[in-house]
Amino acid sequence: MEIDQILLWIVFPYSVVAVVGMSLIWQLEANGTGSKRSTGDRILTGSLKWLFVLGMLTGLVVTHFYQETAQLYVWGKSLIQLQPDMSVINNISFLSQVHVIIVFSFLLGLAF
């Protein structure tokens, strides 16, 4: 296995889950002090909207044209079981791989 494949398909998903989990804990413990929205907040919100739209579009294309949802389910299940199966993710189409990256990037953006 190449290091870039390991970083992309094993380290990145687990890192996203860890960051999202910690952000949920942090948000629950934070007091309700409101703050003004900055330019960075607007950029993040705009980026999240585009990631959401791109995720939806690629998901629809993957579902209707490639029909690889079963393989994505098997890969996700292997991640949850802490035994990631690299052969599954390497054998799906490039668009499905891009969809997975977009979805994890969207989740990572939601944490902030």
PDB file of N, CA and C in Angstrom:
ATOM      1  N   MET A   1       0.835  -1.188   0.000  1.00  0.00           N
ATOM      2  CA  MET A   1       0.000   0.000   0.000  1.00  0.00           C
ATOM      3  C   MET A   1       0.878   1.249   0.000  1.00  0.00           C
ATOM      4  N   GLU A   2       0.448   2.228  -0.752  1.00  0.00           N
ATOM      5  CA  GLU A   2       1.182   3.478  -0.798  1.00  0.00           C
ATOM      6  C   GLU A   2       0.732   4.377   0.348  1.00  0.00           C
ATOM      7  N   ILE A   3       1.623   5.227   0.785  1.00  0.00           N
ATOM      8  CA  ILE A   3       1.349   6.091   1.934  1.00  0.00           C
ATOM      9  C   ILE A   3       0.221   7.071   1.638  1.00  0.00           C
ATOM     10  N   ASP A   4       0.131   7.576   0.394  1.00  0.00           N
ATOM     11  CA  ASP A   4      -0.937   8.523   0.081  1.00  0.00           C
ATOM     12  C   ASP A   4      -2.308   7.859   0.150  1.00  0.00           C
ATOM     13  N   GLN A   5      -2.385   6.596  -0.261  1.00  0.00           N
ATOM     14  CA  GLN A   5      -3.652   5.862  -0.164  1.00  0.00           C
ATOM     15  C   GLN A   5      -4.043   5.620   1.289  1.00  0.00           C
ATOM     16  N   ILE A   6      -3.067   5.306   2.113  1.00  0.00           N
ATOM     17  CA  ILE A   6      -3.334   5.084   3.538  1.00  0.00           C
ATOM     18  C   ILE A   6      -3.807   6.377   4.193  1.00  0.00           C
ATOM     19  N   LEU A   7      -3.140   7.493   3.875  1.00  0.00           N
ATOM     20  CA  LEU A   7      -3.537   8.773   4.450  1.00  0.00           C
ATOM     21  C   LEU A   7      -4.942   9.175   4.005  1.00  0.00           C
ATOM     22  N   LEU A   8      -5.249   8.963   2.734  1.00  0.00           N
ATOM     23  CA  LEU A   8      -6.528   9.399   2.186  1.00  0.00           C
ATOM     24  C   LEU A   8      -7.694   8.524   2.634  1.00  0.00           C
ATOM     25  N   TRP A   9      -7.510   7.212   2.654  1.00  0.00           N
ATOM     26  CA  TRP A   9      -8.648   6.320   2.891  1.00  0.00           C
ATOM     27  C   TRP A   9      -8.710   5.728   4.293  1.00  0.00           C
ATOM     28  N   ILE A  10      -7.683   5.934   5.105  1.00  0.00           N
ATOM     29  CA  ILE A  10      -7.733   5.427   6.480  1.00  0.00           C
ATOM     30  C   ILE A  10      -7.577   6.570   7.483  1.00  0.00           C
ATOM     31  N   VAL A  11      -6.508   7.346   7.364  1.00  0.00           N
ATOM     32  CA  VAL A  11      -6.228   8.392   8.347  1.00  0.00           C
ATOM     33  C   VAL A  11      -7.247   9.531   8.246  1.00  0.00           C
ATOM     34  N   PHE A  12      -7.561   9.989   7.040  1.00  0.00           N
ATOM     35  CA  PHE A  12      -8.483  11.110   6.866  1.00  0.00           C
ATOM     36  C   PHE A  12      -9.874  10.820   7.439  1.00  0.00           C
ATOM     37  N   PRO A  13     -10.517   9.690   7.118  1.00  0.00           N
ATOM     38  CA  PRO A  13     -11.848   9.440   7.710  1.00  0.00           C
ATOM     39  C   PRO A  13     -11.831   9.356   9.231  1.00  0.00           C
ATOM     40  N   TYR A  14     -10.844   8.670   9.808  1.00  0.00           N
ATOM     41  CA  TYR A  14     -10.792   8.575  11.261  1.00  0.00           C
ATOM     42  C   TYR A  14     -10.491   9.929  11.898  1.00  0.00           C
ATOM     43  N   SER A  15      -9.682  10.758  11.247  1.00  0.00           N
ATOM     44  CA  SER A  15      -9.402  12.092  11.763  1.00  0.00           C
ATOM     45  C   SER A  15     -10.653  12.961  11.742  1.00  0.00           C
ATOM     46  N   VAL A  16     -11.432  12.852  10.673  1.00  0.00           N
ATOM     47  CA  VAL A  16     -12.681  13.612  10.582  1.00  0.00           C
ATOM     48  C   VAL A  16     -13.628  13.208  11.699  1.00  0.00           C
ATOM     49  N   VAL A  17     -13.762  11.915  11.938  1.00  0.00           N
ATOM     50  CA  VAL A  17     -14.644  11.443  13.007  1.00  0.00           C
ATOM     51  C   VAL A  17     -14.165  11.965  14.356  1.00  0.00           C
ATOM     52  N   ALA A  18     -12.866  11.969  14.589  1.00  0.00           N
ATOM     53  CA  ALA A  18     -12.333  12.463  15.859  1.00  0.00           C
ATOM     54  C   ALA A  18     -12.589  13.962  16.022  1.00  0.00           C
ATOM     55  N   VAL A  19     -12.367  14.739  14.968  1.00  0.00           N
ATOM     56  CA  VAL A  19     -12.576  16.189  15.048  1.00  0.00           C
ATOM     57  C   VAL A  19     -14.058  16.509  15.244  1.00  0.00           C
ATOM     58  N   VAL A  20     -14.931  15.827  14.522  1.00  0.00           N
ATOM     59  CA  VAL A  20     -16.371  16.064  14.673  1.00  0.00           C
ATOM     60  C   VAL A  20     -16.826  15.686  16.078  1.00  0.00           C
ATOM     61  N   GLY A  21     -16.349  14.565  16.591  1.00  0.00           N
ATOM     62  CA  GLY A  21     -16.707  14.158  17.948  1.00  0.00           C
ATOM     63  C   GLY A  21     -16.249  15.162  18.987  1.00  0.00           C
ATOM     64  N   MET A  22     -15.027  15.637  18.866  1.00  0.00           N
ATOM     65  CA  MET A  22     -14.514  16.611  19.821  1.00  0.00           C
ATOM     66  C   MET A  22     -15.226  17.958  19.687  1.00  0.00           C
ATOM     67  N   SER A  23     -15.606  18.334  18.477  1.00  0.00           N
ATOM     68  CA  SER A  23     -16.319  19.604  18.317  1.00  0.00           C
ATOM     69  C   SER A  23     -17.710  19.522  18.927  1.00  0.00           C
ATOM     70  N   LEU A  24     -18.350  18.368  18.845  1.00  0.00           N
ATOM     71  CA  LEU A  24     -19.654  18.205  19.493  1.00  0.00           C
ATOM     72  C   LEU A  24     -19.527  18.332  21.005  1.00  0.00           C
ATOM     73  N   ILE A  25     -18.507  17.715  21.563  1.00  0.00           N
ATOM     74  CA  ILE A  25     -18.278  17.829  23.004  1.00  0.00           C
ATOM     75  C   ILE A  25     -17.989  19.276  23.380  1.00  0.00           C
ATOM     76  N   TRP A  26     -17.150  19.957  22.603  1.00  0.00           N
ATOM     77  CA  TRP A  26     -16.803  21.334  22.887  1.00  0.00           C
ATOM     78  C   TRP A  26     -18.023  22.248  22.804  1.00  0.00           C
ATOM     79  N   GLN A  27     -18.874  22.028  21.786  1.00  0.00           N
ATOM     80  CA  GLN A  27     -20.062  22.863  21.631  1.00  0.00           C
ATOM     81  C   GLN A  27     -21.056  22.632  22.761  1.00  0.00           C
ATOM     82  N   LEU A  28     -21.137  21.418  23.270  1.00  0.00           N
ATOM     83  CA  LEU A  28     -22.034  21.146  24.386  1.00  0.00           C
ATOM     84  C   LEU A  28     -21.547  21.803  25.669  1.00  0.00           C
ATOM     85  N   GLU A  29     -20.243  21.893  25.846  1.00  0.00           N
ATOM     86  CA  GLU A  29     -19.682  22.478  27.058  1.00  0.00           C
ATOM     87  C   GLU A  29     -19.545  23.998  26.984  1.00  0.00           C
ATOM     88  N   ALA A  30     -19.619  24.560  25.786  1.00  0.00           N
ATOM     89  CA  ALA A  30     -19.446  26.008  25.646  1.00  0.00           C
ATOM     90  C   ALA A  30     -20.672  26.726  26.197  1.00  0.00           C
ATOM     91  N   ASN A  31     -20.417  27.846  26.875  1.00  0.00           N
ATOM     92  CA  ASN A  31     -21.554  28.637  27.328  1.00  0.00           C
ATOM     93  C   ASN A  31     -22.126  29.372  26.128  1.00  0.00           C
ATOM     94  N   GLY A  32     -23.316  29.810  26.244  1.00  0.00           N
ATOM     95  CA  GLY A  32     -24.039  30.400  25.124  1.00  0.00           C
ATOM     96  C   GLY A  32     -23.623  31.805  24.774  1.00  0.00           C
ATOM     97  N   THR A  33     -22.360  32.092  24.840  1.00  0.00           N
ATOM     98  CA  THR A  33     -21.905  33.436  24.488  1.00  0.00           C
ATOM     99  C   THR A  33     -21.896  33.575  22.982  1.00  0.00           C
ATOM    100  N   GLY A  34     -22.672  34.510  22.494  1.00  0.00           N
ATOM    101  CA  GLY A  34     -22.745  34.739  21.058  1.00  0.00           C
ATOM    102  C   GLY A  34     -21.650  35.678  20.614  1.00  0.00           C
ATOM    103  N   SER A  35     -21.292  35.592  19.361  1.00  0.00           N
ATOM    104  CA  SER A  35     -20.279  36.501  18.821  1.00  0.00           C
ATOM    105  C   SER A  35     -20.723  36.951  17.443  1.00  0.00           C
ATOM    106  N   LYS A  36     -20.147  38.060  16.997  1.00  0.00           N
ATOM    107  CA  LYS A  36     -20.470  38.563  15.672  1.00  0.00           C
ATOM    108  C   LYS A  36     -19.886  37.631  14.623  1.00  0.00           C
ATOM    109  N   ARG A  37     -20.576  37.609  13.498  1.00  0.00           N
ATOM    110  CA  ARG A  37     -20.073  36.789  12.401  1.00  0.00           C
ATOM    111  C   ARG A  37     -18.977  37.536  11.675  1.00  0.00           C
ATOM    112  N   SER A  38     -17.875  36.852  11.479  1.00  0.00           N
ATOM    113  CA  SER A  38     -16.747  37.475  10.787  1.00  0.00           C
ATOM    114  C   SER A  38     -16.747  37.060   9.323  1.00  0.00           C
ATOM    115  N   THR A  39     -15.813  37.601   8.584  1.00  0.00           N
ATOM    116  CA  THR A  39     -15.677  37.246   7.175  1.00  0.00           C
ATOM    117  C   THR A  39     -15.332  35.766   7.031  1.00  0.00           C
ATOM    118  N   GLY A  40     -14.528  35.254   7.958  1.00  0.00           N
ATOM    119  CA  GLY A  40     -14.178  33.837   7.916  1.00  0.00           C
ATOM    120  C   GLY A  40     -15.388  32.944   8.087  1.00  0.00           C
ATOM    121  N   ASP A  41     -16.344  33.367   8.926  1.00  0.00           N
ATOM    122  CA  ASP A  41     -17.572  32.601   9.103  1.00  0.00           C
ATOM    123  C   ASP A  41     -18.389  32.560   7.815  1.00  0.00           C
ATOM    124  N   ARG A  42     -18.433  33.687   7.126  1.00  0.00           N
ATOM    125  CA  ARG A  42     -19.188  33.733   5.862  1.00  0.00           C
ATOM    126  C   ARG A  42     -18.527  32.857   4.801  1.00  0.00           C
ATOM    127  N   ILE A  43     -17.202  32.866   4.765  1.00  0.00           N
ATOM    128  CA  ILE A  43     -16.483  32.026   3.796  1.00  0.00           C
ATOM    129  C   ILE A  43     -16.724  30.551   4.107  1.00  0.00           C
ATOM    130  N   LEU A  44     -16.669  30.198   5.391  1.00  0.00           N
ATOM    131  CA  LEU A  44     -16.919  28.812   5.783  1.00  0.00           C
ATOM    132  C   LEU A  44     -18.338  28.393   5.437  1.00  0.00           C
ATOM    133  N   THR A  45     -19.307  29.270   5.687  1.00  0.00           N
ATOM    134  CA  THR A  45     -20.697  28.952   5.371  1.00  0.00           C
ATOM    135  C   THR A  45     -20.882  28.762   3.871  1.00  0.00           C
ATOM    136  N   GLY A  46     -20.286  29.634   3.082  1.00  0.00           N
ATOM    137  CA  GLY A  46     -20.368  29.494   1.626  1.00  0.00           C
ATOM    138  C   GLY A  46     -19.702  28.220   1.136  1.00  0.00           C
ATOM    139  N   SER A  47     -18.563  27.893   1.722  1.00  0.00           N
ATOM    140  CA  SER A  47     -17.857  26.658   1.344  1.00  0.00           C
ATOM    141  C   SER A  47     -18.687  25.432   1.692  1.00  0.00           C
ATOM    142  N   LEU A  48     -19.322  25.473   2.862  1.00  0.00           N
ATOM    143  CA  LEU A  48     -20.150  24.343   3.269  1.00  0.00           C
ATOM    144  C   LEU A  48     -21.343  24.161   2.340  1.00  0.00           C
ATOM    145  N   LYS A  49     -21.926  25.271   1.888  1.00  0.00           N
ATOM    146  CA  LYS A  49     -23.050  25.175   0.947  1.00  0.00           C
ATOM    147  C   LYS A  49     -22.604  24.521  -0.350  1.00  0.00           C
ATOM    148  N   TRP A  50     -21.437  24.922  -0.857  1.00  0.00           N
ATOM    149  CA  TRP A  50     -20.936  24.335  -2.100  1.00  0.00           C
ATOM    150  C   TRP A  50     -20.561  22.866  -1.922  1.00  0.00           C
ATOM    151  N   LEU A  51     -19.961  22.535  -0.776  1.00  0.00           N
ATOM    152  CA  LEU A  51     -19.636  21.131  -0.522  1.00  0.00           C
ATOM    153  C   LEU A  51     -20.904  20.289  -0.422  1.00  0.00           C
ATOM    154  N   PHE A  52     -21.945  20.844   0.188  1.00  0.00           N
ATOM    155  CA  PHE A  52     -23.215  20.130   0.289  1.00  0.00           C
ATOM    156  C   PHE A  52     -23.802  19.884  -1.097  1.00  0.00           C
ATOM    157  N   VAL A  53     -23.818  20.912  -1.938  1.00  0.00           N
ATOM    158  CA  VAL A  53     -24.362  20.774  -3.293  1.00  0.00           C
ATOM    159  C   VAL A  53     -23.540  19.770  -4.098  1.00  0.00           C
ATOM    160  N   LEU A  54     -22.207  19.881  -4.039  1.00  0.00           N
ATOM    161  CA  LEU A  54     -21.355  18.940  -4.766  1.00  0.00           C
ATOM    162  C   LEU A  54     -21.531  17.513  -4.260  1.00  0.00           C
ATOM    163  N   GLY A  55     -21.659  17.359  -2.941  1.00  0.00           N
ATOM    164  CA  GLY A  55     -21.890  16.034  -2.372  1.00  0.00           C
ATOM    165  C   GLY A  55     -23.206  15.438  -2.842  1.00  0.00           C
ATOM    166  N   MET A  56     -24.241  16.263  -2.894  1.00  0.00           N
ATOM    167  CA  MET A  56     -25.541  15.779  -3.370  1.00  0.00           C
ATOM    168  C   MET A  56     -25.480  15.384  -4.843  1.00  0.00           C
ATOM    169  N   LEU A  57     -24.848  16.230  -5.658  1.00  0.00           N
ATOM    170  CA  LEU A  57     -24.769  15.932  -7.091  1.00  0.00           C
ATOM    171  C   LEU A  57     -23.957  14.669  -7.364  1.00  0.00           C
ATOM    172  N   THR A  58     -22.789  14.567  -6.740  1.00  0.00           N
ATOM    173  CA  THR A  58     -21.981  13.374  -6.978  1.00  0.00           C
ATOM    174  C   THR A  58     -22.673  12.135  -6.414  1.00  0.00           C
ATOM    175  N   GLY A  59     -23.378  12.278  -5.298  1.00  0.00           N
ATOM    176  CA  GLY A  59     -24.113  11.148  -4.735  1.00  0.00           C
ATOM    177  C   GLY A  59     -25.226  10.675  -5.658  1.00  0.00           C
ATOM    178  N   LEU A  60     -25.943  11.624  -6.269  1.00  0.00           N
ATOM    179  CA  LEU A  60     -27.002  11.249  -7.204  1.00  0.00           C
ATOM    180  C   LEU A  60     -26.439  10.554  -8.441  1.00  0.00           C
ATOM    181  N   VAL A  61     -25.338  11.080  -8.968  1.00  0.00           N
ATOM    182  CA  VAL A  61     -24.725  10.465 -10.156  1.00  0.00           C
ATOM    183  C   VAL A  61     -24.214   9.062  -9.827  1.00  0.00           C
ATOM    184  N   VAL A  62     -23.553   8.923  -8.676  1.00  0.00           N
ATOM    185  CA  VAL A  62     -23.039   7.606  -8.276  1.00  0.00           C
ATOM    186  C   VAL A  62     -24.187   6.623  -8.089  1.00  0.00           C
ATOM    187  N   THR A  63     -25.284   7.077  -7.486  1.00  0.00           N
ATOM    188  CA  THR A  63     -26.415   6.196  -7.228  1.00  0.00           C
ATOM    189  C   THR A  63     -27.093   5.759  -8.516  1.00  0.00           C
ATOM    190  N   HIS A  64     -27.291   6.691  -9.456  1.00  0.00           N
ATOM    191  CA  HIS A  64     -28.062   6.371 -10.653  1.00  0.00           C
ATOM    192  C   HIS A  64     -27.243   5.762 -11.788  1.00  0.00           C
ATOM    193  N   PHE A  65     -25.994   6.179 -11.954  1.00  0.00           N
ATOM    194  CA  PHE A  65     -25.227   5.716 -13.098  1.00  0.00           C
ATOM    195  C   PHE A  65     -24.222   4.620 -12.762  1.00  0.00           C
ATOM    196  N   TYR A  66     -23.575   4.725 -11.624  1.00  0.00           N
ATOM    197  CA  TYR A  66     -22.534   3.758 -11.296  1.00  0.00           C
ATOM    198  C   TYR A  66     -23.040   2.627 -10.418  1.00  0.00           C
ATOM    199  N   GLN A  67     -24.055   2.878  -9.629  1.00  0.00           N
ATOM    200  CA  GLN A  67     -24.660   1.888  -8.732  1.00  0.00           C
ATOM    201  C   GLN A  67     -23.611   1.194  -7.869  1.00  0.00           C
ATOM    202  N   GLU A  68     -22.808   2.019  -7.207  1.00  0.00           N
ATOM    203  CA  GLU A  68     -21.750   1.498  -6.345  1.00  0.00           C
ATOM    204  C   GLU A  68     -22.041   1.724  -4.864  1.00  0.00           C
ATOM    205  N   THR A  69     -23.305   1.907  -4.542  1.00  0.00           N
ATOM    206  CA  THR A  69     -23.636   2.175  -3.150  1.00  0.00           C
ATOM    207  C   THR A  69     -23.337   0.976  -2.259  1.00  0.00           C
ATOM    208  N   ALA A  70     -23.457  -0.231  -2.788  1.00  0.00           N
ATOM    209  CA  ALA A  70     -23.163  -1.431  -1.986  1.00  0.00           C
ATOM    210  C   ALA A  70     -21.686  -1.470  -1.608  1.00  0.00           C
ATOM    211  N   GLN A  71     -20.815  -1.132  -2.560  1.00  0.00           N
ATOM    212  CA  GLN A  71     -19.384  -1.120  -2.257  1.00  0.00           C
ATOM    213  C   GLN A  71     -19.048  -0.029  -1.233  1.00  0.00           C
ATOM    214  N   LEU A  72     -19.679   1.136  -1.367  1.00  0.00           N
ATOM    215  CA  LEU A  72     -19.440   2.213  -0.403  1.00  0.00           C
ATOM    216  C   LEU A  72     -19.940   1.814   0.978  1.00  0.00           C
ATOM    217  N   TYR A  73     -21.056   1.087   1.019  1.00  0.00           N
ATOM    218  CA  TYR A  73     -21.575   0.604   2.302  1.00  0.00           C
ATOM    219  C   TYR A  73     -20.594  -0.378   2.944  1.00  0.00           C
ATOM    220  N   VAL A  74     -20.060  -1.289   2.138  1.00  0.00           N
ATOM    221  CA  VAL A  74     -19.094  -2.271   2.662  1.00  0.00           C
ATOM    222  C   VAL A  74     -17.855  -1.569   3.191  1.00  0.00           C
ATOM    223  N   TRP A  75     -17.368  -0.553   2.479  1.00  0.00           N
ATOM    224  CA  TRP A  75     -16.192   0.183   2.941  1.00  0.00           C
ATOM    225  C   TRP A  75     -16.500   0.941   4.228  1.00  0.00           C
ATOM    226  N   GLY A  76     -17.655   1.596   4.290  1.00  0.00           N
ATOM    227  CA  GLY A  76     -18.041   2.305   5.510  1.00  0.00           C
ATOM    228  C   GLY A  76     -18.189   1.365   6.691  1.00  0.00           C
ATOM    229  N   LYS A  77     -18.757   0.194   6.430  1.00  0.00           N
ATOM    230  CA  LYS A  77     -18.903  -0.812   7.487  1.00  0.00           C
ATOM    231  C   LYS A  77     -17.539  -1.288   7.969  1.00  0.00           C
ATOM    232  N   SER A  78     -16.597  -1.451   7.054  1.00  0.00           N
ATOM    233  CA  SER A  78     -15.256  -1.881   7.454  1.00  0.00           C
ATOM    234  C   SER A  78     -14.560  -0.800   8.276  1.00  0.00           C
ATOM    235  N   LEU A  79     -14.842   0.486   7.986  1.00  0.00           N
ATOM    236  CA  LEU A  79     -14.292   1.571   8.796  1.00  0.00           C
ATOM    237  C   LEU A  79     -14.861   1.531  10.208  1.00  0.00           C
ATOM    238  N   ILE A  80     -16.163   1.328  10.311  1.00  0.00           N
ATOM    239  CA  ILE A  80     -16.811   1.289  11.619  1.00  0.00           C
ATOM    240  C   ILE A  80     -16.301   0.116  12.443  1.00  0.00           C
ATOM    241  N   GLN A  81     -16.011  -0.995  11.788  1.00  0.00           N
ATOM    242  CA  GLN A  81     -15.496  -2.173  12.482  1.00  0.00           C
ATOM    243  C   GLN A  81     -14.001  -2.061  12.782  1.00  0.00           C
ATOM    244  N   LEU A  82     -13.402  -0.931  12.433  1.00  0.00           N
ATOM    245  CA  LEU A  82     -11.968  -0.660  12.630  1.00  0.00           C
ATOM    246  C   LEU A  82     -11.068  -1.643  11.883  1.00  0.00           C
ATOM    247  N   GLN A  83     -11.548  -2.126  10.756  1.00  0.00           N
ATOM    248  CA  GLN A  83     -10.769  -2.983   9.862  1.00  0.00           C
ATOM    249  C   GLN A  83     -10.968  -2.482   8.431  1.00  0.00           C
ATOM    250  N   PRO A  84     -10.437  -1.282   8.107  1.00  0.00           N
ATOM    251  CA  PRO A  84     -10.701  -0.698   6.791  1.00  0.00           C
ATOM    252  C   PRO A  84     -10.204  -1.577   5.649  1.00  0.00           C
ATOM    253  N   ASP A  85     -11.065  -1.761   4.666  1.00  0.00           N
ATOM    254  CA  ASP A  85     -10.766  -2.599   3.511  1.00  0.00           C
ATOM    255  C   ASP A  85     -10.382  -1.702   2.334  1.00  0.00           C
ATOM    256  N   MET A  86      -9.099  -1.578   2.092  1.00  0.00           N
ATOM    257  CA  MET A  86      -8.597  -0.706   1.038  1.00  0.00           C
ATOM    258  C   MET A  86      -8.940  -1.216  -0.356  1.00  0.00           C
ATOM    259  N   SER A  87      -9.098  -2.519  -0.517  1.00  0.00           N
ATOM    260  CA  SER A  87      -9.389  -3.059  -1.846  1.00  0.00           C
ATOM    261  C   SER A  87     -10.751  -2.598  -2.341  1.00  0.00           C
ATOM    262  N   VAL A  88     -11.701  -2.415  -1.438  1.00  0.00           N
ATOM    263  CA  VAL A  88     -13.040  -1.973  -1.845  1.00  0.00           C
ATOM    264  C   VAL A  88     -12.983  -0.554  -2.383  1.00  0.00           C
ATOM    265  N   ILE A  89     -12.351   0.339  -1.652  1.00  0.00           N
ATOM    266  CA  ILE A  89     -12.323   1.749  -2.061  1.00  0.00           C
ATOM    267  C   ILE A  89     -11.446   1.951  -3.297  1.00  0.00           C
ATOM    268  N   ASN A  90     -10.433   1.128  -3.480  1.00  0.00           N
ATOM    269  CA  ASN A  90      -9.577   1.245  -4.666  1.00  0.00           C
ATOM    270  C   ASN A  90     -10.246   0.717  -5.925  1.00  0.00           C
ATOM    271  N   ASN A  91     -11.270  -0.135  -5.791  1.00  0.00           N
ATOM    272  CA  ASN A  91     -11.927  -0.734  -6.951  1.00  0.00           C
ATOM    273  C   ASN A  91     -13.196  -0.009  -7.384  1.00  0.00           C
ATOM    274  N   ILE A  92     -13.552   1.092  -6.744  1.00  0.00           N
ATOM    275  CA  ILE A  92     -14.724   1.840  -7.178  1.00  0.00           C
ATOM    276  C   ILE A  92     -14.297   2.959  -8.111  1.00  0.00           C
ATOM    277  N   SER A  93     -15.260   3.594  -8.754  1.00  0.00           N
ATOM    278  CA  SER A  93     -14.957   4.624  -9.745  1.00  0.00           C
ATOM    279  C   SER A  93     -14.353   5.865  -9.097  1.00  0.00           C
ATOM    280  N   PHE A  94     -13.712   6.661  -9.925  1.00  0.00           N
ATOM    281  CA  PHE A  94     -13.084   7.894  -9.458  1.00  0.00           C
ATOM    282  C   PHE A  94     -14.135   8.849  -8.883  1.00  0.00           C
ATOM    283  N   LEU A  95     -15.307   8.920  -9.517  1.00  0.00           N
ATOM    284  CA  LEU A  95     -16.362   9.810  -9.031  1.00  0.00           C
ATOM    285  C   LEU A  95     -16.846   9.386  -7.646  1.00  0.00           C
ATOM    286  N   SER A  96     -16.923   8.096  -7.397  1.00  0.00           N
ATOM    287  CA  SER A  96     -17.321   7.622  -6.070  1.00  0.00           C
ATOM    288  C   SER A  96     -16.270   7.986  -5.029  1.00  0.00           C
ATOM    289  N   GLN A  97     -15.007   7.900  -5.408  1.00  0.00           N
ATOM    290  CA  GLN A  97     -13.941   8.298  -4.494  1.00  0.00           C
ATOM    291  C   GLN A  97     -14.005   9.790  -4.202  1.00  0.00           C
ATOM    292  N   VAL A  98     -14.277  10.596  -5.230  1.00  0.00           N
ATOM    293  CA  VAL A  98     -14.416  12.042  -5.037  1.00  0.00           C
ATOM    294  C   VAL A  98     -15.611  12.322  -4.125  1.00  0.00           C
ATOM    295  N   HIS A  99     -16.693  11.581  -4.300  1.00  0.00           N
ATOM    296  CA  HIS A  99     -17.875  11.749  -3.457  1.00  0.00           C
ATOM    297  C   HIS A  99     -17.540  11.494  -1.984  1.00  0.00           C
ATOM    298  N   VAL A 100     -16.791  10.456  -1.716  1.00  0.00           N
ATOM    299  CA  VAL A 100     -16.406  10.140  -0.333  1.00  0.00           C
ATOM    300  C   VAL A 100     -15.566  11.268   0.253  1.00  0.00           C
ATOM    301  N   ILE A 101     -14.623  11.796  -0.517  1.00  0.00           N
ATOM    302  CA  ILE A 101     -13.782  12.889  -0.040  1.00  0.00           C
ATOM    303  C   ILE A 101     -14.622  14.137   0.225  1.00  0.00           C
ATOM    304  N   ILE A 102     -15.569  14.444  -0.660  1.00  0.00           N
ATOM    305  CA  ILE A 102     -16.437  15.609  -0.472  1.00  0.00           C
ATOM    306  C   ILE A 102     -17.286  15.449   0.778  1.00  0.00           C
ATOM    307  N   VAL A 103     -17.838  14.271   1.004  1.00  0.00           N
ATOM    308  CA  VAL A 103     -18.683  14.047   2.179  1.00  0.00           C
ATOM    309  C   VAL A 103     -17.881  14.216   3.463  1.00  0.00           C
ATOM    310  N   PHE A 104     -16.688  13.647   3.518  1.00  0.00           N
ATOM    311  CA  PHE A 104     -15.870  13.800   4.722  1.00  0.00           C
ATOM    312  C   PHE A 104     -15.406  15.244   4.904  1.00  0.00           C
ATOM    313  N   SER A 105     -15.130  15.951   3.817  1.00  0.00           N
ATOM    314  CA  SER A 105     -14.756  17.366   3.917  1.00  0.00           C
ATOM    315  C   SER A 105     -15.929  18.195   4.429  1.00  0.00           C
ATOM    316  N   PHE A 106     -17.146  17.880   3.979  1.00  0.00           N
ATOM    317  CA  PHE A 106     -18.341  18.568   4.463  1.00  0.00           C
ATOM    318  C   PHE A 106     -18.517  18.343   5.962  1.00  0.00           C
ATOM    319  N   LEU A 107     -18.360  17.101   6.398  1.00  0.00           N
ATOM    320  CA  LEU A 107     -18.480  16.807   7.826  1.00  0.00           C
ATOM    321  C   LEU A 107     -17.412  17.529   8.635  1.00  0.00           C
ATOM    322  N   LEU A 108     -16.211  17.601   8.095  1.00  0.00           N
ATOM    323  CA  LEU A 108     -15.133  18.305   8.773  1.00  0.00           C
ATOM    324  C   LEU A 108     -15.446  19.800   8.879  1.00  0.00           C
ATOM    325  N   GLY A 109     -16.000  20.372   7.811  1.00  0.00           N
ATOM    326  CA  GLY A 109     -16.382  21.780   7.846  1.00  0.00           C
ATOM    327  C   GLY A 109     -17.493  22.066   8.841  1.00  0.00           C
ATOM    328  N   LEU A 110     -18.419  21.128   8.997  1.00  0.00           N
ATOM    329  CA  LEU A 110     -19.497  21.301   9.968  1.00  0.00           C
ATOM    330  C   LEU A 110     -18.970  21.405  11.388  1.00  0.00           C
ATOM    331  N   ALA A 111     -17.833  20.787  11.645  1.00  0.00           N
ATOM    332  CA  ALA A 111     -17.262  20.825  12.993  1.00  0.00           C
ATOM    333  C   ALA A 111     -16.852  22.233  13.394  1.00  0.00           C
ATOM    334  N   PHE A 112     -16.581  23.092  12.409  1.00  0.00           N
ATOM    335  CA  PHE A 112     -16.137  24.434  12.714  1.00  0.00           C
ATOM    336  C   PHE A 112     -17.270  25.406  12.604  1.00  0.00           C
TER     337      PHE A 112
END
